[in-house]
Amino acid sequence: MIVTRQYAITYDAVREVYKIQSEEVPICPKCGAVMAGHGIRRRHAIDSSGTSRWFELRRWRCPACQSVHLELPDFMAPRRHYGIDVIRDVQAGGGESCPADDSTIRRWKNAKQLPGSPVPPEARPVCLNGTGAEEETT
């Protein structure tokens, strides 16, 4: 998955879908090669008012390692239907008017971080090297 922060959003009224067009060059997160287009995927996102909107997201294939990645705008949470701002608002203690059901809100509050978020250095696993001293893994 590639998270893009610089993009343009256009609305296609005929297909009733928003198109996300990244302004960044897609780089493979596995090997660092420049990727080639590999189609689109439709996905919906629900905002804080409960409105569901459909988006066309681009898929990319790496010519070097053959992995396929989805380009996700920074307002969408990976593998979540609700927008990242809705989830973060609930996790920060707000979200009294959140459109999600109670069990979803409870799960968000119990989560330590959003899926796809980078793991902070203090939470990374530590292993022992051959000398018995601790060594941080990346």
C-alpha atoms as a PDB file:
ATOM      1  CA  MET A   1       0.000   0.000   0.000  1.00  0.00           C
ATOM      2  CA  ILE A   2       1.240   3.452  -0.907  1.00  0.00           C
ATOM      3  CA  VAL A   3      -0.101   6.465   0.996  1.00  0.00           C
ATOM      4  CA  THR A   4      -0.086   9.639  -1.083  1.00  0.00           C
ATOM      5  CA  ARG A   5      -0.217  13.124   0.418  1.00  0.00           C
ATOM      6  CA  GLN A   6      -0.187  15.211  -2.761  1.00  0.00           C
ATOM      7  CA  TYR A   7      -3.149  14.507  -5.019  1.00  0.00           C
ATOM      8  CA  ALA A   8      -6.020  16.038  -6.941  1.00  0.00           C
ATOM      9  CA  ILE A   9      -9.627  14.890  -6.590  1.00  0.00           C
ATOM     10  CA  THR A  10     -12.013  15.134  -9.541  1.00  0.00           C
ATOM     11  CA  TYR A  11     -15.646  14.059  -9.697  1.00  0.00           C
ATOM     12  CA  ASP A  12     -16.977  11.969 -12.578  1.00  0.00           C
ATOM     13  CA  ALA A  13     -20.725  12.711 -12.581  1.00  0.00           C
ATOM     14  CA  VAL A  14     -21.482  10.056 -15.201  1.00  0.00           C
ATOM     15  CA  ARG A  15     -20.002   7.234 -13.098  1.00  0.00           C
ATOM     16  CA  GLU A  16     -20.757   8.969  -9.751  1.00  0.00           C
ATOM     17  CA  VAL A  17     -17.230   8.429  -8.471  1.00  0.00           C
ATOM     18  CA  TYR A  18     -14.362  10.603  -7.255  1.00  0.00           C
ATOM     19  CA  LYS A  19     -11.010  10.029  -8.941  1.00  0.00           C
ATOM     20  CA  ILE A  20      -7.786  10.401  -6.969  1.00  0.00           C
ATOM     21  CA  GLN A  21      -4.852  11.530  -9.114  1.00  0.00           C
ATOM     22  CA  SER A  22      -1.538  11.505  -7.269  1.00  0.00           C
ATOM     23  CA  GLU A  23       1.080  14.131  -8.050  1.00  0.00           C
ATOM     24  CA  GLU A  24       3.849  11.926  -6.624  1.00  0.00           C
ATOM     25  CA  VAL A  25       5.955   9.378  -8.508  1.00  0.00           C
ATOM     26  CA  PRO A  26       4.945   5.899  -7.256  1.00  0.00           C
ATOM     27  CA  ILE A  27       7.949   4.159  -5.698  1.00  0.00           C
ATOM     28  CA  CYS A  28       7.756   0.499  -4.635  1.00  0.00           C
ATOM     29  CA  PRO A  29       7.911   0.269  -0.821  1.00  0.00           C
ATOM     30  CA  LYS A  30       9.550  -3.177  -1.077  1.00  0.00           C
ATOM     31  CA  CYS A  31      12.424  -2.559  -3.500  1.00  0.00           C
ATOM     32  CA  GLY A  32      12.428   1.182  -4.357  1.00  0.00           C
ATOM     33  CA  ALA A  33      11.786   0.852  -8.118  1.00  0.00           C
ATOM     34  CA  VAL A  34       9.448   3.184 -10.017  1.00  0.00           C
ATOM     35  CA  MET A  35       6.142   1.386 -10.539  1.00  0.00           C
ATOM     36  CA  ALA A  36       3.862   1.084 -13.573  1.00  0.00           C
ATOM     37  CA  GLY A  37       0.058   1.421 -13.678  1.00  0.00           C
ATOM     38  CA  HIS A  38      -1.943  -1.758 -13.093  1.00  0.00           C
ATOM     39  CA  GLY A  39      -5.585  -0.649 -13.182  1.00  0.00           C
ATOM     40  CA  ILE A  40      -8.006   0.856 -10.693  1.00  0.00           C
ATOM     41  CA  ARG A  41     -10.051  -0.255  -7.709  1.00  0.00           C
ATOM     42  CA  ARG A  42     -13.289   1.247  -6.440  1.00  0.00           C
ATOM     43  CA  ARG A  43     -13.580   1.886  -2.715  1.00  0.00           C
ATOM     44  CA  HIS A  44     -15.981   3.854  -0.559  1.00  0.00           C
ATOM     45  CA  ALA A  45     -15.262   6.010   2.458  1.00  0.00           C
ATOM     46  CA  ILE A  46     -17.694   7.268   5.093  1.00  0.00           C
ATOM     47  CA  ASP A  47     -17.139  10.754   6.507  1.00  0.00           C
ATOM     48  CA  SER A  48     -18.122  12.192   9.908  1.00  0.00           C
ATOM     49  CA  SER A  49     -21.636  13.045   8.703  1.00  0.00           C
ATOM     50  CA  GLY A  50     -22.264   9.428   7.662  1.00  0.00           C
ATOM     51  CA  THR A  51     -22.106  10.196   3.932  1.00  0.00           C
ATOM     52  CA  SER A  52     -20.588   7.425   1.849  1.00  0.00           C
ATOM     53  CA  ARG A  53     -18.615   8.442  -1.235  1.00  0.00           C
ATOM     54  CA  TRP A  54     -17.080   6.176  -3.880  1.00  0.00           C
ATOM     55  CA  PHE A  55     -13.502   6.658  -5.045  1.00  0.00           C
ATOM     56  CA  GLU A  56     -11.407   5.195  -7.838  1.00  0.00           C
ATOM     57  CA  LEU A  57      -7.949   4.376  -6.536  1.00  0.00           C
ATOM     58  CA  ARG A  58      -5.045   3.478  -8.773  1.00  0.00           C
ATOM     59  CA  ARG A  59      -3.217   0.182  -8.513  1.00  0.00           C
ATOM     60  CA  TRP A  60       0.486  -0.066  -9.296  1.00  0.00           C
ATOM     61  CA  ARG A  61       2.738  -3.003 -10.183  1.00  0.00           C
ATOM     62  CA  CYS A  62       6.473  -3.003  -9.595  1.00  0.00           C
ATOM     63  CA  PRO A  63       8.380  -4.174 -12.687  1.00  0.00           C
ATOM     64  CA  ALA A  64      11.320  -5.285 -10.510  1.00  0.00           C
ATOM     65  CA  CYS A  65       9.696  -7.365  -7.744  1.00  0.00           C
ATOM     66  CA  GLN A  66       6.227  -7.832  -9.337  1.00  0.00           C
ATOM     67  CA  SER A  67       4.375  -6.713  -6.194  1.00  0.00           C
ATOM     68  CA  VAL A  68       1.042  -4.894  -6.597  1.00  0.00           C
ATOM     69  CA  HIS A  69       0.204  -1.886  -4.411  1.00  0.00           C
ATOM     70  CA  LEU A  70      -2.869   0.278  -3.968  1.00  0.00           C
ATOM     71  CA  GLU A  71      -2.393   4.052  -3.910  1.00  0.00           C
ATOM     72  CA  LEU A  72      -4.370   5.361  -0.942  1.00  0.00           C
ATOM     73  CA  PRO A  73      -4.959   9.075  -0.210  1.00  0.00           C
ATOM     74  CA  ASP A  74      -4.033  10.206   3.289  1.00  0.00           C
ATOM     75  CA  PHE A  75      -7.653  10.796   4.339  1.00  0.00           C
ATOM     76  CA  MET A  76      -8.495   7.066   4.040  1.00  0.00           C
ATOM     77  CA  ALA A  77      -7.511   4.502   6.655  1.00  0.00           C
ATOM     78  CA  PRO A  78      -6.137   1.222   5.305  1.00  0.00           C
ATOM     79  CA  ARG A  79      -8.738  -1.578   5.456  1.00  0.00           C
ATOM     80  CA  ARG A  80     -11.360   0.702   7.039  1.00  0.00           C
ATOM     81  CA  HIS A  81     -14.622   2.093   5.642  1.00  0.00           C
ATOM     82  CA  TYR A  82     -14.542   5.245   7.754  1.00  0.00           C
ATOM     83  CA  GLY A  83     -12.244   8.185   7.059  1.00  0.00           C
ATOM     84  CA  ILE A  84      -9.088   8.531   9.094  1.00  0.00           C
ATOM     85  CA  ASP A  85     -10.324  11.792  10.662  1.00  0.00           C
ATOM     86  CA  VAL A  86     -13.443  10.030  12.045  1.00  0.00           C
ATOM     87  CA  ILE A  87     -11.336   7.248  13.604  1.00  0.00           C
ATOM     88  CA  ARG A  88      -8.782   9.650  15.086  1.00  0.00           C
ATOM     89  CA  ASP A  89     -11.538  11.832  16.530  1.00  0.00           C
ATOM     90  CA  VAL A  90     -13.009   8.813  18.338  1.00  0.00           C
ATOM     91  CA  GLN A  91      -9.559   7.693  19.549  1.00  0.00           C
ATOM     92  CA  ALA A  92      -8.892  11.211  20.893  1.00  0.00           C
ATOM     93  CA  GLY A  93     -12.016  11.010  23.047  1.00  0.00           C
ATOM     94  CA  GLY A  94     -14.437  12.817  20.763  1.00  0.00           C
ATOM     95  CA  GLY A  95     -16.820  11.276  18.320  1.00  0.00           C
ATOM     96  CA  GLU A  96     -20.082  11.676  20.229  1.00  0.00           C
ATOM     97  CA  SER A  97     -21.849  12.119  16.884  1.00  0.00           C
ATOM     98  CA  CYS A  98     -19.874   9.399  15.088  1.00  0.00           C
ATOM     99  CA  PRO A  99     -21.978   7.502  12.515  1.00  0.00           C
ATOM    100  CA  ALA A 100     -20.334   4.144  13.341  1.00  0.00           C
ATOM    101  CA  ASP A 101     -22.058   1.575  15.535  1.00  0.00           C
ATOM    102  CA  ASP A 102     -21.097   1.146  19.195  1.00  0.00           C
ATOM    103  CA  SER A 103     -18.997  -1.995  18.732  1.00  0.00           C
ATOM    104  CA  THR A 104     -16.908  -0.317  16.019  1.00  0.00           C
ATOM    105  CA  ILE A 105     -16.340   2.758  18.205  1.00  0.00           C
ATOM    106  CA  ARG A 106     -15.334   0.514  21.129  1.00  0.00           C
ATOM    107  CA  ARG A 107     -12.829  -1.336  18.900  1.00  0.00           C
ATOM    108  CA  TRP A 108     -11.313   1.957  17.687  1.00  0.00           C
ATOM    109  CA  LYS A 109     -10.929   3.209  21.261  1.00  0.00           C
ATOM    110  CA  ASN A 110      -9.166  -0.011  22.315  1.00  0.00           C
ATOM    111  CA  ALA A 111      -6.779   0.040  19.328  1.00  0.00           C
ATOM    112  CA  LYS A 112      -3.300   1.330  20.081  1.00  0.00           C
ATOM    113  CA  GLN A 113      -2.882   2.827  16.600  1.00  0.00           C
ATOM    114  CA  LEU A 114      -4.461   2.912  13.174  1.00  0.00           C
ATOM    115  CA  PRO A 115      -3.777  -0.015  10.845  1.00  0.00           C
ATOM    116  CA  GLY A 116      -1.009   0.856   8.434  1.00  0.00           C
ATOM    117  CA  SER A 117       0.479   3.467  10.771  1.00  0.00           C
ATOM    118  CA  PRO A 118       4.234   3.274  11.321  1.00  0.00           C
ATOM    119  CA  VAL A 119       5.274   1.478  14.489  1.00  0.00           C
ATOM    120  CA  PRO A 120       6.956   3.902  16.933  1.00  0.00           C
ATOM    121  CA  PRO A 121      10.591   3.026  17.762  1.00  0.00           C
ATOM    122  CA  GLU A 122       9.810   2.258  21.422  1.00  0.00           C
ATOM    123  CA  ALA A 123       7.253  -0.394  20.345  1.00  0.00           C
ATOM    124  CA  ARG A 124       9.558  -2.198  17.898  1.00  0.00           C
ATOM    125  CA  PRO A 125      10.756  -5.672  18.898  1.00  0.00           C
ATOM    126  CA  VAL A 126      14.246  -6.011  20.328  1.00  0.00           C
ATOM    127  CA  CYS A 127      16.418  -9.054  19.684  1.00  0.00           C
ATOM    128  CA  LEU A 128      19.725 -10.226  21.039  1.00  0.00           C
ATOM    129  CA  ASN A 129      22.770 -10.263  18.799  1.00  0.00           C
ATOM    130  CA  GLY A 130      25.498 -12.902  19.157  1.00  0.00           C
ATOM    131  CA  THR A 131      27.171 -11.083  22.083  1.00  0.00           C
ATOM    132  CA  GLY A 132      24.108 -11.066  24.329  1.00  0.00           C
ATOM    133  CA  ALA A 133      23.615  -7.299  24.029  1.00  0.00           C
ATOM    134  CA  GLU A 134      20.280  -5.951  22.899  1.00  0.00           C
ATOM    135  CA  GLU A 135      20.073  -4.768  19.329  1.00  0.00           C
ATOM    136  CA  GLU A 136      17.159  -2.864  17.782  1.00  0.00           C
ATOM    137  CA  THR A 137      15.567  -4.474  14.726  1.00  0.00           C
ATOM    138  CA  THR A 138      14.159  -2.519  11.822  1.00  0.00           C
END
